[in-house]
Amino acid sequence: MTDIVTVSIACANEAECQSLTGLLVTARLAACVQSFEIHSTYRWKGEIDTADEVMLTAKTLVEKLPMLEKLVKQHHGYEVPEILATPVVWASEDYEKWLRESLEV
């Protein structure tokens, strides 16, 4: 087990996705952010709703999560943005080295 995590962040649209992606990588809170279109069904304020969204998957370290959360909440349009971290159980040595170097300040 490593201290590397992937973080899922659902965005309302491509513009929000691109803005958050740039902020996360520039601030060295994510080494890499990938995005893909999704369709979500969820319960919100007592109602069931659906939305087309863009999902971000950010690669980072556990120690970066508090600052990542703060940045996302400051720049995200949702009242309660999805910010979920999933542990990475293994990473290739070369990728892990690159990720750590990319996150160094």
PDB file of N, CA and C in Angstrom:
ATOM      1  N   MET A   1       0.847  -1.181   0.000  1.00  0.00           N
ATOM      2  CA  MET A   1       0.000   0.000   0.000  1.00  0.00           C
ATOM      3  C   MET A   1       0.890   1.242   0.000  1.00  0.00           C
ATOM      4  N   THR A   2       0.493   2.231  -0.784  1.00  0.00           N
ATOM      5  CA  THR A   2       1.245   3.483  -0.858  1.00  0.00           C
ATOM      6  C   THR A   2       0.411   4.618  -0.258  1.00  0.00           C
ATOM      7  N   ASP A   3       0.959   5.807  -0.227  1.00  0.00           N
ATOM      8  CA  ASP A   3       0.206   6.990   0.192  1.00  0.00           C
ATOM      9  C   ASP A   3      -0.364   7.724  -1.021  1.00  0.00           C
ATOM     10  N   ILE A   4      -0.339   7.076  -2.184  1.00  0.00           N
ATOM     11  CA  ILE A   4      -0.921   7.634  -3.399  1.00  0.00           C
ATOM     12  C   ILE A   4      -2.419   7.364  -3.391  1.00  0.00           C
ATOM     13  N   VAL A   5      -3.194   8.364  -3.831  1.00  0.00           N
ATOM     14  CA  VAL A   5      -4.637   8.202  -3.957  1.00  0.00           C
ATOM     15  C   VAL A   5      -5.092   8.760  -5.301  1.00  0.00           C
ATOM     16  N   THR A   6      -6.230   8.266  -5.770  1.00  0.00           N
ATOM     17  CA  THR A   6      -6.925   8.897  -6.878  1.00  0.00           C
ATOM     18  C   THR A   6      -8.146   9.580  -6.282  1.00  0.00           C
ATOM     19  N   VAL A   7      -8.444  10.760  -6.773  1.00  0.00           N
ATOM     20  CA  VAL A   7      -9.555  11.547  -6.235  1.00  0.00           C
ATOM     21  C   VAL A   7     -10.571  11.785  -7.340  1.00  0.00           C
ATOM     22  N   SER A   8     -11.819  11.413  -7.075  1.00  0.00           N
ATOM     23  CA  SER A   8     -12.919  11.633  -8.013  1.00  0.00           C
ATOM     24  C   SER A   8     -13.610  12.944  -7.668  1.00  0.00           C
ATOM     25  N   ILE A   9     -13.786  13.783  -8.684  1.00  0.00           N
ATOM     26  CA  ILE A   9     -14.457  15.074  -8.519  1.00  0.00           C
ATOM     27  C   ILE A   9     -15.409  15.240  -9.699  1.00  0.00           C
ATOM     28  N   ALA A  10     -16.716  15.252  -9.436  1.00  0.00           N
ATOM     29  CA  ALA A  10     -17.696  15.445 -10.507  1.00  0.00           C
ATOM     30  C   ALA A  10     -17.897  16.938 -10.741  1.00  0.00           C
ATOM     31  N   CYS A  11     -17.871  17.343 -12.010  1.00  0.00           N
ATOM     32  CA  CYS A  11     -18.046  18.751 -12.389  1.00  0.00           C
ATOM     33  C   CYS A  11     -19.310  18.916 -13.223  1.00  0.00           C
ATOM     34  N   ALA A  12     -19.893  20.099 -13.158  1.00  0.00           N
ATOM     35  CA  ALA A  12     -21.139  20.375 -13.873  1.00  0.00           C
ATOM     36  C   ALA A  12     -20.950  20.442 -15.385  1.00  0.00           C
ATOM     37  N   ASN A  13     -19.759  20.868 -15.834  1.00  0.00           N
ATOM     38  CA  ASN A  13     -19.554  21.049 -17.271  1.00  0.00           C
ATOM     39  C   ASN A  13     -18.051  21.086 -17.585  1.00  0.00           C
ATOM     40  N   GLU A  14     -17.760  21.158 -18.871  1.00  0.00           N
ATOM     41  CA  GLU A  14     -16.369  21.140 -19.330  1.00  0.00           C
ATOM     42  C   GLU A  14     -15.583  22.370 -18.869  1.00  0.00           C
ATOM     43  N   ALA A  15     -16.237  23.523 -18.812  1.00  0.00           N
ATOM     44  CA  ALA A  15     -15.546  24.742 -18.381  1.00  0.00           C
ATOM     45  C   ALA A  15     -15.086  24.615 -16.936  1.00  0.00           C
ATOM     46  N   GLU A  16     -15.954  24.123 -16.066  1.00  0.00           N
ATOM     47  CA  GLU A  16     -15.583  23.921 -14.667  1.00  0.00           C
ATOM     48  C   GLU A  16     -14.480  22.873 -14.552  1.00  0.00           C
ATOM     49  N   CYS A  17     -14.594  21.833 -15.347  1.00  0.00           N
ATOM     50  CA  CYS A  17     -13.582  20.768 -15.387  1.00  0.00           C
ATOM     51  C   CYS A  17     -12.213  21.336 -15.747  1.00  0.00           C
ATOM     52  N   GLN A  18     -12.137  22.116 -16.803  1.00  0.00           N
ATOM     53  CA  GLN A  18     -10.862  22.666 -17.249  1.00  0.00           C
ATOM     54  C   GLN A  18     -10.279  23.640 -16.223  1.00  0.00           C
ATOM     55  N   SER A  19     -11.134  24.434 -15.619  1.00  0.00           N
ATOM     56  CA  SER A  19     -10.679  25.376 -14.599  1.00  0.00           C
ATOM     57  C   SER A  19     -10.082  24.641 -13.407  1.00  0.00           C
ATOM     58  N   LEU A  20     -10.803  23.660 -12.880  1.00  0.00           N
ATOM     59  CA  LEU A  20     -10.307  22.906 -11.720  1.00  0.00           C
ATOM     60  C   LEU A  20      -9.040  22.128 -12.057  1.00  0.00           C
ATOM     61  N   THR A  21      -9.015  21.532 -13.237  1.00  0.00           N
ATOM     62  CA  THR A  21      -7.838  20.769 -13.658  1.00  0.00           C
ATOM     63  C   THR A  21      -6.594  21.657 -13.653  1.00  0.00           C
ATOM     64  N   GLY A  22      -6.697  22.822 -14.251  1.00  0.00           N
ATOM     65  CA  GLY A  22      -5.562  23.751 -14.286  1.00  0.00           C
ATOM     66  C   GLY A  22      -5.135  24.189 -12.902  1.00  0.00           C
ATOM     67  N   LEU A  23      -6.102  24.507 -12.053  1.00  0.00           N
ATOM     68  CA  LEU A  23      -5.780  24.930 -10.691  1.00  0.00           C
ATOM     69  C   LEU A  23      -5.087  23.822  -9.898  1.00  0.00           C
ATOM     70  N   LEU A  24      -5.587  22.601  -9.994  1.00  0.00           N
ATOM     71  CA  LEU A  24      -5.018  21.484  -9.226  1.00  0.00           C
ATOM     72  C   LEU A  24      -3.588  21.163  -9.649  1.00  0.00           C
ATOM     73  N   VAL A  25      -3.338  21.150 -10.954  1.00  0.00           N
ATOM     74  CA  VAL A  25      -1.999  20.815 -11.441  1.00  0.00           C
ATOM     75  C   VAL A  25      -1.040  21.974 -11.185  1.00  0.00           C
ATOM     76  N   THR A  26      -1.475  23.198 -11.423  1.00  0.00           N
ATOM     77  CA  THR A  26      -0.627  24.368 -11.198  1.00  0.00           C
ATOM     78  C   THR A  26      -0.226  24.495  -9.734  1.00  0.00           C
ATOM     79  N   ALA A  27      -1.165  24.213  -8.828  1.00  0.00           N
ATOM     80  CA  ALA A  27      -0.895  24.309  -7.384  1.00  0.00           C
ATOM     81  C   ALA A  27      -0.142  23.092  -6.852  1.00  0.00           C
ATOM     82  N   ARG A  28       0.174  22.150  -7.730  1.00  0.00           N
ATOM     83  CA  ARG A  28       0.865  20.907  -7.358  1.00  0.00           C
ATOM     84  C   ARG A  28       0.083  20.090  -6.320  1.00  0.00           C
ATOM     85  N   LEU A  29      -1.239  20.160  -6.441  1.00  0.00           N
ATOM     86  CA  LEU A  29      -2.100  19.339  -5.599  1.00  0.00           C
ATOM     87  C   LEU A  29      -2.482  18.051  -6.309  1.00  0.00           C
ATOM     88  N   ALA A  30      -2.230  18.003  -7.602  1.00  0.00           N
ATOM     89  CA  ALA A  30      -2.418  16.793  -8.399  1.00  0.00           C
ATOM     90  C   ALA A  30      -1.313  16.732  -9.437  1.00  0.00           C
ATOM     91  N   ALA A  31      -0.757  15.543  -9.614  1.00  0.00           N
ATOM     92  CA  ALA A  31       0.291  15.365 -10.622  1.00  0.00           C
ATOM     93  C   ALA A  31      -0.320  15.251 -12.009  1.00  0.00           C
ATOM     94  N   CYS A  32      -1.531  14.709 -12.056  1.00  0.00           N
ATOM     95  CA  CYS A  32      -2.221  14.461 -13.314  1.00  0.00           C
ATOM     96  C   CYS A  32      -3.718  14.470 -13.018  1.00  0.00           C
ATOM     97  N   VAL A  33      -4.498  15.003 -13.949  1.00  0.00           N
ATOM     98  CA  VAL A  33      -5.953  14.949 -13.820  1.00  0.00           C
ATOM     99  C   VAL A  33      -6.521  14.499 -15.158  1.00  0.00           C
ATOM    100  N   GLN A  34      -7.320  13.460 -15.121  1.00  0.00           N
ATOM    101  CA  GLN A  34      -7.989  12.972 -16.317  1.00  0.00           C
ATOM    102  C   GLN A  34      -9.472  13.306 -16.212  1.00  0.00           C
ATOM    103  N   SER A  35     -10.144  13.437 -17.348  1.00  0.00           N
ATOM    104  CA  SER A  35     -11.568  13.749 -17.335  1.00  0.00           C
ATOM    105  C   SER A  35     -12.318  12.886 -18.347  1.00  0.00           C
ATOM    106  N   PHE A  36     -13.574  12.614 -18.015  1.00  0.00           N
ATOM    107  CA  PHE A  36     -14.440  11.871 -18.929  1.00  0.00           C
ATOM    108  C   PHE A  36     -15.891  12.204 -18.609  1.00  0.00           C
ATOM    109  N   GLU A  37     -16.727  12.138 -19.631  1.00  0.00           N
ATOM    110  CA  GLU A  37     -18.143  12.452 -19.472  1.00  0.00           C
ATOM    111  C   GLU A  37     -18.870  11.316 -18.762  1.00  0.00           C
ATOM    112  N   ILE A  38     -19.808  11.688 -17.885  1.00  0.00           N
ATOM    113  CA  ILE A  38     -20.620  10.711 -17.155  1.00  0.00           C
ATOM    114  C   ILE A  38     -22.073  11.175 -17.137  1.00  0.00           C
ATOM    115  N   HIS A  39     -22.958  10.266 -16.817  1.00  0.00           N
ATOM    116  CA  HIS A  39     -24.363  10.586 -16.581  1.00  0.00           C
ATOM    117  C   HIS A  39     -24.667  10.125 -15.164  1.00  0.00           C
ATOM    118  N   SER A  40     -25.139  11.021 -14.314  1.00  0.00           N
ATOM    119  CA  SER A  40     -25.361  10.722 -12.898  1.00  0.00           C
ATOM    120  C   SER A  40     -26.849  10.747 -12.550  1.00  0.00           C
ATOM    121  N   THR A  41     -27.242   9.835 -11.675  1.00  0.00           N
ATOM    122  CA  THR A  41     -28.566   9.836 -11.056  1.00  0.00           C
ATOM    123  C   THR A  41     -28.328   9.878  -9.563  1.00  0.00           C
ATOM    124  N   TYR A  42     -28.993  10.814  -8.865  1.00  0.00           N
ATOM    125  CA  TYR A  42     -28.693  11.024  -7.452  1.00  0.00           C
ATOM    126  C   TYR A  42     -29.900  11.626  -6.735  1.00  0.00           C
ATOM    127  N   ARG A  43     -29.868  11.550  -5.425  1.00  0.00           N
ATOM    128  CA  ARG A  43     -30.892  12.163  -4.595  1.00  0.00           C
ATOM    129  C   ARG A  43     -30.338  13.492  -4.077  1.00  0.00           C
ATOM    130  N   TRP A  44     -31.108  14.566  -4.268  1.00  0.00           N
ATOM    131  CA  TRP A  44     -30.691  15.885  -3.810  1.00  0.00           C
ATOM    132  C   TRP A  44     -31.912  16.629  -3.290  1.00  0.00           C
ATOM    133  N   LYS A  45     -31.832  17.027  -2.031  1.00  0.00           N
ATOM    134  CA  LYS A  45     -32.905  17.777  -1.368  1.00  0.00           C
ATOM    135  C   LYS A  45     -34.253  17.080  -1.500  1.00  0.00           C
ATOM    136  N   GLY A  46     -34.241  15.764  -1.276  1.00  0.00           N
ATOM    137  CA  GLY A  46     -35.465  14.979  -1.260  1.00  0.00           C
ATOM    138  C   GLY A  46     -35.993  14.556  -2.616  1.00  0.00           C
ATOM    139  N   GLU A  47     -35.333  14.921  -3.672  1.00  0.00           N
ATOM    140  CA  GLU A  47     -35.773  14.585  -5.025  1.00  0.00           C
ATOM    141  C   GLU A  47     -34.712  13.744  -5.721  1.00  0.00           C
ATOM    142  N   ILE A  48     -35.155  12.922  -6.671  1.00  0.00           N
ATOM    143  CA  ILE A  48     -34.213  12.190  -7.510  1.00  0.00           C
ATOM    144  C   ILE A  48     -33.995  13.013  -8.764  1.00  0.00           C
ATOM    145  N   ASP A  49     -32.729  13.218  -9.111  1.00  0.00           N
ATOM    146  CA  ASP A  49     -32.363  14.060 -10.247  1.00  0.00           C
ATOM    147  C   ASP A  49     -31.340  13.330 -11.109  1.00  0.00           C
ATOM    148  N   THR A  50     -31.147  13.813 -12.306  1.00  0.00           N
ATOM    149  CA  THR A  50     -30.119  13.277 -13.204  1.00  0.00           C
ATOM    150  C   THR A  50     -29.365  14.448 -13.820  1.00  0.00           C
ATOM    151  N   ALA A  51     -28.136  14.201 -14.215  1.00  0.00           N
ATOM    152  CA  ALA A  51     -27.331  15.250 -14.841  1.00  0.00           C
ATOM    153  C   ALA A  51     -26.216  14.638 -15.668  1.00  0.00           C
ATOM    154  N   ASP A  52     -25.882  15.313 -16.755  1.00  0.00           N
ATOM    155  CA  ASP A  52     -24.669  14.994 -17.497  1.00  0.00           C
ATOM    156  C   ASP A  52     -23.560  15.808 -16.847  1.00  0.00           C
ATOM    157  N   GLU A  53     -22.470  15.146 -16.503  1.00  0.00           N
ATOM    158  CA  GLU A  53     -21.369  15.790 -15.795  1.00  0.00           C
ATOM    159  C   GLU A  53     -20.050  15.373 -16.421  1.00  0.00           C
ATOM    160  N   VAL A  54     -18.987  15.966 -15.922  1.00  0.00           N
ATOM    161  CA  VAL A  54     -17.631  15.575 -16.304  1.00  0.00           C
ATOM    162  C   VAL A  54     -16.931  15.120 -15.025  1.00  0.00           C
ATOM    163  N   MET A  55     -16.402  13.901 -15.038  1.00  0.00           N
ATOM    164  CA  MET A  55     -15.707  13.359 -13.874  1.00  0.00           C
ATOM    165  C   MET A  55     -14.215  13.590 -14.015  1.00  0.00           C
ATOM    166  N   LEU A  56     -13.625  14.142 -12.966  1.00  0.00           N
ATOM    167  CA  LEU A  56     -12.179  14.289 -12.898  1.00  0.00           C
ATOM    168  C   LEU A  56     -11.617  13.170 -12.042  1.00  0.00           C
ATOM    169  N   THR A  57     -10.480  12.645 -12.437  1.00  0.00           N
ATOM    170  CA  THR A  57      -9.729  11.698 -11.624  1.00  0.00           C
ATOM    171  C   THR A  57      -8.343  12.291 -11.440  1.00  0.00           C
ATOM    172  N   ALA A  58      -8.065  12.732 -10.217  1.00  0.00           N
ATOM    173  CA  ALA A  58      -6.791  13.377  -9.904  1.00  0.00           C
ATOM    174  C   ALA A  58      -5.882  12.394  -9.181  1.00  0.00           C
ATOM    175  N   LYS A  59      -4.609  12.374  -9.554  1.00  0.00           N
ATOM    176  CA  LYS A  59      -3.619  11.527  -8.880  1.00  0.00           C
ATOM    177  C   LYS A  59      -2.802  12.393  -7.947  1.00  0.00           C
ATOM    178  N   THR A  60      -2.776  12.007  -6.663  1.00  0.00           N
ATOM    179  CA  THR A  60      -2.096  12.824  -5.668  1.00  0.00           C
ATOM    180  C   THR A  60      -1.670  11.965  -4.485  1.00  0.00           C
ATOM    181  N   LEU A  61      -1.241  12.629  -3.412  1.00  0.00           N
ATOM    182  CA  LEU A  61      -0.818  11.974  -2.178  1.00  0.00           C
ATOM    183  C   LEU A  61      -1.799  12.319  -1.059  1.00  0.00           C
ATOM    184  N   VAL A  62      -1.935  11.433  -0.103  1.00  0.00           N
ATOM    185  CA  VAL A  62      -2.849  11.637   1.025  1.00  0.00           C
ATOM    186  C   VAL A  62      -2.601  12.989   1.687  1.00  0.00           C
ATOM    187  N   GLU A  63      -1.344  13.364   1.860  1.00  0.00           N
ATOM    188  CA  GLU A  63      -1.018  14.626   2.545  1.00  0.00           C
ATOM    189  C   GLU A  63      -1.548  15.857   1.811  1.00  0.00           C
ATOM    190  N   LYS A  64      -1.838  15.740   0.518  1.00  0.00           N
ATOM    191  CA  LYS A  64      -2.335  16.859  -0.275  1.00  0.00           C
ATOM    192  C   LYS A  64      -3.856  17.022  -0.184  1.00  0.00           C
ATOM    193  N   LEU A  65      -4.555  16.039   0.385  1.00  0.00           N
ATOM    194  CA  LEU A  65      -6.017  16.043   0.361  1.00  0.00           C
ATOM    195  C   LEU A  65      -6.666  17.253   1.041  1.00  0.00           C
ATOM    196  N   PRO A  66      -6.225  17.698   2.215  1.00  0.00           N
ATOM    197  CA  PRO A  66      -6.878  18.866   2.815  1.00  0.00           C
ATOM    198  C   PRO A  66      -6.817  20.112   1.932  1.00  0.00           C
ATOM    199  N   MET A  67      -5.681  20.385   1.315  1.00  0.00           N
ATOM    200  CA  MET A  67      -5.549  21.551   0.443  1.00  0.00           C
ATOM    201  C   MET A  67      -6.325  21.349  -0.862  1.00  0.00           C
ATOM    202  N   LEU A  68      -6.327  20.124  -1.381  1.00  0.00           N
ATOM    203  CA  LEU A  68      -7.095  19.819  -2.577  1.00  0.00           C
ATOM    204  C   LEU A  68      -8.578  20.073  -2.309  1.00  0.00           C
ATOM    205  N   GLU A  69      -9.071  19.588  -1.183  1.00  0.00           N
ATOM    206  CA  GLU A  69     -10.481  19.798  -0.827  1.00  0.00           C
ATOM    207  C   GLU A  69     -10.792  21.298  -0.732  1.00  0.00           C
ATOM    208  N   LYS A  70      -9.929  22.046  -0.083  1.00  0.00           N
ATOM    209  CA  LYS A  70     -10.135  23.486   0.083  1.00  0.00           C
ATOM    210  C   LYS A  70     -10.221  24.178  -1.274  1.00  0.00           C
ATOM    211  N   LEU A  71      -9.294  23.868  -2.172  1.00  0.00           N
ATOM    212  CA  LEU A  71      -9.283  24.485  -3.490  1.00  0.00           C
ATOM    213  C   LEU A  71     -10.551  24.129  -4.266  1.00  0.00           C
ATOM    214  N   VAL A  72     -10.927  22.850  -4.255  1.00  0.00           N
ATOM    215  CA  VAL A  72     -12.125  22.433  -4.990  1.00  0.00           C
ATOM    216  C   VAL A  72     -13.358  23.154  -4.453  1.00  0.00           C
ATOM    217  N   LYS A  73     -13.520  23.200  -3.145  1.00  0.00           N
ATOM    218  CA  LYS A  73     -14.688  23.866  -2.563  1.00  0.00           C
ATOM    219  C   LYS A  73     -14.725  25.356  -2.902  1.00  0.00           C
ATOM    220  N   GLN A  74     -13.580  25.996  -2.997  1.00  0.00           N
ATOM    221  CA  GLN A  74     -13.516  27.427  -3.331  1.00  0.00           C
ATOM    222  C   GLN A  74     -13.914  27.705  -4.776  1.00  0.00           C
ATOM    223  N   HIS A  75     -13.668  26.742  -5.677  1.00  0.00           N
ATOM    224  CA  HIS A  75     -13.831  27.005  -7.109  1.00  0.00           C
ATOM    225  C   HIS A  75     -14.896  26.149  -7.777  1.00  0.00           C
ATOM    226  N   HIS A  76     -15.617  25.359  -7.025  1.00  0.00           N
ATOM    227  CA  HIS A  76     -16.620  24.449  -7.579  1.00  0.00           C
ATOM    228  C   HIS A  76     -17.997  25.076  -7.471  1.00  0.00           C
ATOM    229  N   GLY A  77     -18.837  24.831  -8.458  1.00  0.00           N
ATOM    230  CA  GLY A  77     -20.170  25.409  -8.478  1.00  0.00           C
ATOM    231  C   GLY A  77     -21.198  24.680  -7.629  1.00  0.00           C
ATOM    232  N   TYR A  78     -20.929  23.435  -7.249  1.00  0.00           N
ATOM    233  CA  TYR A  78     -21.893  22.662  -6.472  1.00  0.00           C
ATOM    234  C   TYR A  78     -21.844  23.050  -5.000  1.00  0.00           C
ATOM    235  N   GLU A  79     -22.992  23.004  -4.359  1.00  0.00           N
ATOM    236  CA  GLU A  79     -23.087  23.254  -2.924  1.00  0.00           C
ATOM    237  C   GLU A  79     -22.312  22.185  -2.147  1.00  0.00           C
ATOM    238  N   VAL A  80     -22.409  20.932  -2.612  1.00  0.00           N
ATOM    239  CA  VAL A  80     -21.692  19.809  -1.997  1.00  0.00           C
ATOM    240  C   VAL A  80     -20.983  19.035  -3.109  1.00  0.00           C
ATOM    241  N   PRO A  81     -19.763  19.444  -3.469  1.00  0.00           N
ATOM    242  CA  PRO A  81     -19.068  18.738  -4.553  1.00  0.00           C
ATOM    243  C   PRO A  81     -18.597  17.349  -4.122  1.00  0.00           C
ATOM    244  N   GLU A  82     -18.604  16.453  -5.085  1.00  0.00           N
ATOM    245  CA  GLU A  82     -18.061  15.108  -4.850  1.00  0.00           C
ATOM    246  C   GLU A  82     -16.546  15.206  -4.798  1.00  0.00           C
ATOM    247  N   ILE A  83     -15.973  14.787  -3.674  1.00  0.00           N
ATOM    248  CA  ILE A  83     -14.519  14.709  -3.515  1.00  0.00           C
ATOM    249  C   ILE A  83     -14.263  13.398  -2.780  1.00  0.00           C
ATOM    250  N   LEU A  84     -13.925  12.350  -3.525  1.00  0.00           N
ATOM    251  CA  LEU A  84     -13.728  11.018  -2.952  1.00  0.00           C
ATOM    252  C   LEU A  84     -12.328  10.514  -3.266  1.00  0.00           C
ATOM    253  N   ALA A  85     -11.585  10.143  -2.246  1.00  0.00           N
ATOM    254  CA  ALA A  85     -10.226   9.620  -2.437  1.00  0.00           C
ATOM    255  C   ALA A  85     -10.238   8.103  -2.306  1.00  0.00           C
ATOM    256  N   THR A  86      -9.570   7.455  -3.249  1.00  0.00           N
ATOM    257  CA  THR A  86      -9.448   6.001  -3.258  1.00  0.00           C
ATOM    258  C   THR A  86      -7.967   5.640  -3.164  1.00  0.00           C
ATOM    259  N   PRO A  87      -7.606   4.766  -2.208  1.00  0.00           N
ATOM    260  CA  PRO A  87      -6.194   4.384  -2.078  1.00  0.00           C
ATOM    261  C   PRO A  87      -5.694   3.620  -3.304  1.00  0.00           C
ATOM    262  N   VAL A  88      -4.444   3.842  -3.645  1.00  0.00           N
ATOM    263  CA  VAL A  88      -3.775   3.078  -4.699  1.00  0.00           C
ATOM    264  C   VAL A  88      -2.949   2.007  -3.998  1.00  0.00           C
ATOM    265  N   VAL A  89      -3.199   0.760  -4.318  1.00  0.00           N
ATOM    266  CA  VAL A  89      -2.486  -0.322  -3.628  1.00  0.00           C
ATOM    267  C   VAL A  89      -1.117  -0.600  -4.225  1.00  0.00           C
ATOM    268  N   TRP A  90      -0.913  -0.178  -5.470  1.00  0.00           N
ATOM    269  CA  TRP A  90       0.375  -0.406  -6.111  1.00  0.00           C
ATOM    270  C   TRP A  90       0.539   0.576  -7.258  1.00  0.00           C
ATOM    271  N   ALA A  91       1.757   1.033  -7.469  1.00  0.00           N
ATOM    272  CA  ALA A  91       2.101   1.865  -8.621  1.00  0.00           C
ATOM    273  C   ALA A  91       3.487   1.452  -9.093  1.00  0.00           C
ATOM    274  N   SER A  92       3.699   1.524 -10.394  1.00  0.00           N
ATOM    275  CA  SER A  92       5.030   1.181 -10.899  1.00  0.00           C
ATOM    276  C   SER A  92       6.038   2.171 -10.319  1.00  0.00           C
ATOM    277  N   GLU A  93       7.258   1.721 -10.172  1.00  0.00           N
ATOM    278  CA  GLU A  93       8.304   2.544  -9.564  1.00  0.00           C
ATOM    279  C   GLU A  93       8.515   3.843 -10.334  1.00  0.00           C
ATOM    280  N   ASP A  94       8.552   3.754 -11.659  1.00  0.00           N
ATOM    281  CA  ASP A  94       8.765   4.948 -12.481  1.00  0.00           C
ATOM    282  C   ASP A  94       7.611   5.937 -12.342  1.00  0.00           C
ATOM    283  N   TYR A  95       6.385   5.436 -12.343  1.00  0.00           N
ATOM    284  CA  TYR A  95       5.223   6.321 -12.221  1.00  0.00           C
ATOM    285  C   TYR A  95       5.204   6.979 -10.852  1.00  0.00           C
ATOM    286  N   GLU A  96       5.469   6.212  -9.817  1.00  0.00           N
ATOM    287  CA  GLU A  96       5.467   6.772  -8.466  1.00  0.00           C
ATOM    288  C   GLU A  96       6.533   7.866  -8.334  1.00  0.00           C
ATOM    289  N   LYS A  97       7.708   7.637  -8.905  1.00  0.00           N
ATOM    290  CA  LYS A  97       8.777   8.641  -8.864  1.00  0.00           C
ATOM    291  C   LYS A  97       8.332   9.914  -9.569  1.00  0.00           C
ATOM    292  N   TRP A  98       7.747   9.769 -10.762  1.00  0.00           N
ATOM    293  CA  TRP A  98       7.266  10.932 -11.513  1.00  0.00           C
ATOM    294  C   TRP A  98       6.180  11.677 -10.726  1.00  0.00           C
ATOM    295  N   LEU A  99       5.229  10.943 -10.150  1.00  0.00           N
ATOM    296  CA  LEU A  99       4.140  11.558  -9.396  1.00  0.00           C
ATOM    297  C   LEU A  99       4.691  12.371  -8.237  1.00  0.00           C
ATOM    298  N   ARG A 100       5.585  11.794  -7.474  1.00  0.00           N
ATOM    299  CA  ARG A 100       6.149  12.507  -6.315  1.00  0.00           C
ATOM    300  C   ARG A 100       6.937  13.749  -6.748  1.00  0.00           C
ATOM    301  N   GLU A 101       7.724  13.626  -7.815  1.00  0.00           N
ATOM    302  CA  GLU A 101       8.474  14.784  -8.317  1.00  0.00           C
ATOM    303  C   GLU A 101       7.535  15.877  -8.809  1.00  0.00           C
ATOM    304  N   SER A 102       6.420  15.492  -9.416  1.00  0.00           N
ATOM    305  CA  SER A 102       5.456  16.458  -9.936  1.00  0.00           C
ATOM    306  C   SER A 102       4.743  17.230  -8.832  1.00  0.00           C
ATOM    307  N   LEU A 103       4.687  16.659  -7.649  1.00  0.00           N
ATOM    308  CA  LEU A 103       3.971  17.290  -6.537  1.00  0.00           C
ATOM    309  C   LEU A 103       4.897  18.073  -5.609  1.00  0.00           C
ATOM    310  N   GLU A 104       6.213  17.990  -5.842  1.00  0.00           N
ATOM    311  CA  GLU A 104       7.155  18.727  -5.007  1.00  0.00           C
ATOM    312  C   GLU A 104       7.032  20.214  -5.255  1.00  0.00           C
ATOM    313  N   VAL A 105       7.117  20.964  -4.179  1.00  0.00           N
ATOM    314  CA  VAL A 105       7.003  22.426  -4.292  1.00  0.00           C
ATOM    315  C   VAL A 105       8.387  23.031  -4.425  1.00  0.00           C
TER     316      VAL A 105
END
